[in-house]
Amino acid sequence: MKTRSVESAPASLADLAADFQEAVVAQLEDRLSLVEDRHPFSLLTFPAACRPIPSSGRGFSAWGKARGVEVLLASKALTGDNAVMVAFAGLVRFRSGKPGEGLSAPARSRWPLESLE
């Protein structure tokens, strides 16, 4: 499968991709606003997989600034592979000396917000 660069894509395809990205960001911002209204927070971080999304004109940084929430994005060096982010998070936790759940941690395919304290 041959990939094409954005520069070589037809304008209509580039417009469609930009519109899709804007719609995704708007939906995520809407959900973030609902959560933040119910459970205010002052810091929001995004994993490596979300790094490309905030590059739109609006982006999550603007959302955070408007709501007084600091938004941190993973550095570009860590965005190539989510495994790197998971391993780094594990290393930080290990170095902190705080015990974790280890292998007894429950596997969750979904983690409802209502279950969080």
Protein backbone atom coordinates (compact mmCIF):
# COMPACT_ATOMS: atom_id res chain seq x y z
CA MET A 1 0.00 0.00 0.00
CA LYS A 2 1.45 3.32 -1.07
CA THR A 3 0.89 6.33 1.19
CA ARG A 4 0.53 9.83 -0.14
CA SER A 5 1.69 12.99 1.52
CA VAL A 6 -0.82 15.66 2.48
CA GLU A 7 0.74 17.99 -0.07
CA SER A 8 -0.08 15.59 -2.92
CA ALA A 9 -3.68 14.93 -1.82
CA PRO A 10 -6.48 16.56 -3.80
CA ALA A 11 -7.80 19.73 -2.18
CA SER A 12 -11.23 18.16 -1.62
CA LEU A 13 -9.67 15.25 0.28
CA ALA A 14 -7.54 17.61 2.38
CA ASP A 15 -10.67 19.66 3.17
CA LEU A 16 -12.58 16.53 4.16
CA ALA A 17 -9.74 15.43 6.46
CA ALA A 18 -9.56 18.90 8.05
CA ASP A 19 -13.34 18.95 8.58
CA PHE A 20 -13.23 15.48 10.14
CA GLN A 21 -10.40 16.52 12.47
CA GLU A 22 -12.30 19.64 13.51
CA ALA A 23 -15.44 17.57 14.21
CA VAL A 24 -13.47 15.08 16.31
CA VAL A 25 -11.85 17.86 18.34
CA ALA A 26 -15.22 19.59 18.84
CA GLN A 27 -16.81 16.36 20.11
CA LEU A 28 -13.93 15.67 22.48
CA GLU A 29 -13.99 19.26 23.75
CA ASP A 30 -17.73 18.92 24.36
CA ARG A 31 -17.21 15.74 26.42
CA LEU A 32 -14.32 17.31 28.31
CA SER A 33 -16.49 20.31 29.15
CA LEU A 34 -19.25 18.06 30.51
CA VAL A 35 -16.78 16.17 32.71
CA GLU A 36 -15.01 19.35 33.86
CA ASP A 37 -18.35 20.98 34.76
CA ARG A 38 -19.27 18.00 36.96
CA HIS A 39 -15.81 17.30 38.38
CA PRO A 40 -13.57 20.38 38.01
CA PHE A 41 -9.90 19.71 37.33
CA SER A 42 -6.92 21.96 36.69
CA LEU A 43 -4.66 19.67 34.66
CA LEU A 44 -5.34 17.58 31.56
CA THR A 45 -2.78 15.35 29.85
CA PHE A 46 -3.03 13.48 26.58
CA PRO A 47 -1.37 10.19 25.67
CA ALA A 48 0.85 9.81 22.66
CA ALA A 49 -1.99 8.54 20.47
CA CYS A 50 -3.80 11.87 20.78
CA ARG A 51 -0.80 14.01 19.89
CA PRO A 52 -1.79 14.73 16.26
CA ILE A 53 -5.38 15.73 17.06
CA PRO A 54 -4.66 19.01 18.89
CA SER A 55 -2.80 20.36 15.86
CA SER A 56 -6.05 21.80 14.50
CA GLY A 57 -6.75 25.52 14.66
CA ARG A 58 -8.80 25.24 17.84
CA GLY A 59 -7.16 22.39 19.67
CA PHE A 60 -7.23 21.35 23.27
CA SER A 61 -4.76 24.00 24.39
CA ALA A 62 -7.26 26.71 23.48
CA TRP A 63 -10.01 24.77 25.28
CA GLY A 64 -7.85 24.54 28.38
CA LYS A 65 -6.90 28.21 28.29
CA ALA A 66 -10.57 29.23 28.04
CA ARG A 67 -11.50 27.04 31.03
CA GLY A 68 -8.42 27.63 33.19
CA VAL A 69 -7.15 24.06 32.71
CA GLU A 70 -3.47 23.38 32.01
CA VAL A 71 -3.17 21.04 29.02
CA LEU A 72 -0.04 18.93 28.66
CA LEU A 73 0.75 17.03 25.48
CA ALA A 74 3.22 14.19 25.21
CA SER A 75 6.53 15.28 23.73
CA LYS A 76 7.07 14.36 20.10
CA ALA A 77 9.89 12.02 21.16
CA LEU A 78 7.33 9.86 22.97
CA THR A 79 4.53 9.89 20.41
CA GLY A 80 5.77 7.24 18.01
CA ASP A 81 4.63 4.27 20.04
CA ASN A 82 2.14 4.03 22.89
CA ALA A 83 4.26 1.25 24.36
CA VAL A 84 6.94 3.85 25.08
CA MET A 85 4.41 5.96 26.99
CA VAL A 86 3.19 2.96 28.99
CA ALA A 87 6.75 1.86 29.78
CA PHE A 88 7.75 5.38 30.82
CA ALA A 89 4.69 5.71 33.08
CA GLY A 90 5.61 2.36 34.65
CA LEU A 91 9.19 3.50 35.18
CA VAL A 92 8.08 6.73 36.85
CA ARG A 93 5.71 4.84 39.11
CA PHE A 94 8.39 2.26 39.96
CA ARG A 95 10.93 4.98 40.81
CA SER A 96 8.40 6.77 43.02
CA GLY A 97 8.49 3.84 45.43
CA LYS A 98 4.70 3.75 45.62
CA PRO A 99 3.32 0.23 45.54
CA GLY A 100 1.07 -0.59 42.63
CA GLU A 101 -1.54 -3.21 42.04
CA GLY A 102 0.97 -5.32 40.12
CA LEU A 103 -0.40 -8.39 38.41
CA SER A 104 -3.52 -8.25 40.59
CA ALA A 105 -4.73 -5.09 38.81
CA PRO A 106 -8.13 -5.68 37.18
CA ALA A 107 -8.26 -5.54 33.39
CA ARG A 108 -10.73 -2.90 32.22
CA SER A 109 -11.91 -2.43 28.68
CA ARG A 110 -14.01 0.50 29.93
CA TRP A 111 -13.65 2.52 33.10
CA PRO A 112 -16.87 4.45 33.82
CA LEU A 113 -16.30 7.94 35.25
CA GLU A 114 -18.98 7.28 37.87
CA SER A 115 -16.74 4.66 39.48
CA LEU A 116 -13.97 7.19 40.20
CA GLU A 117 -13.82 8.99 43.53
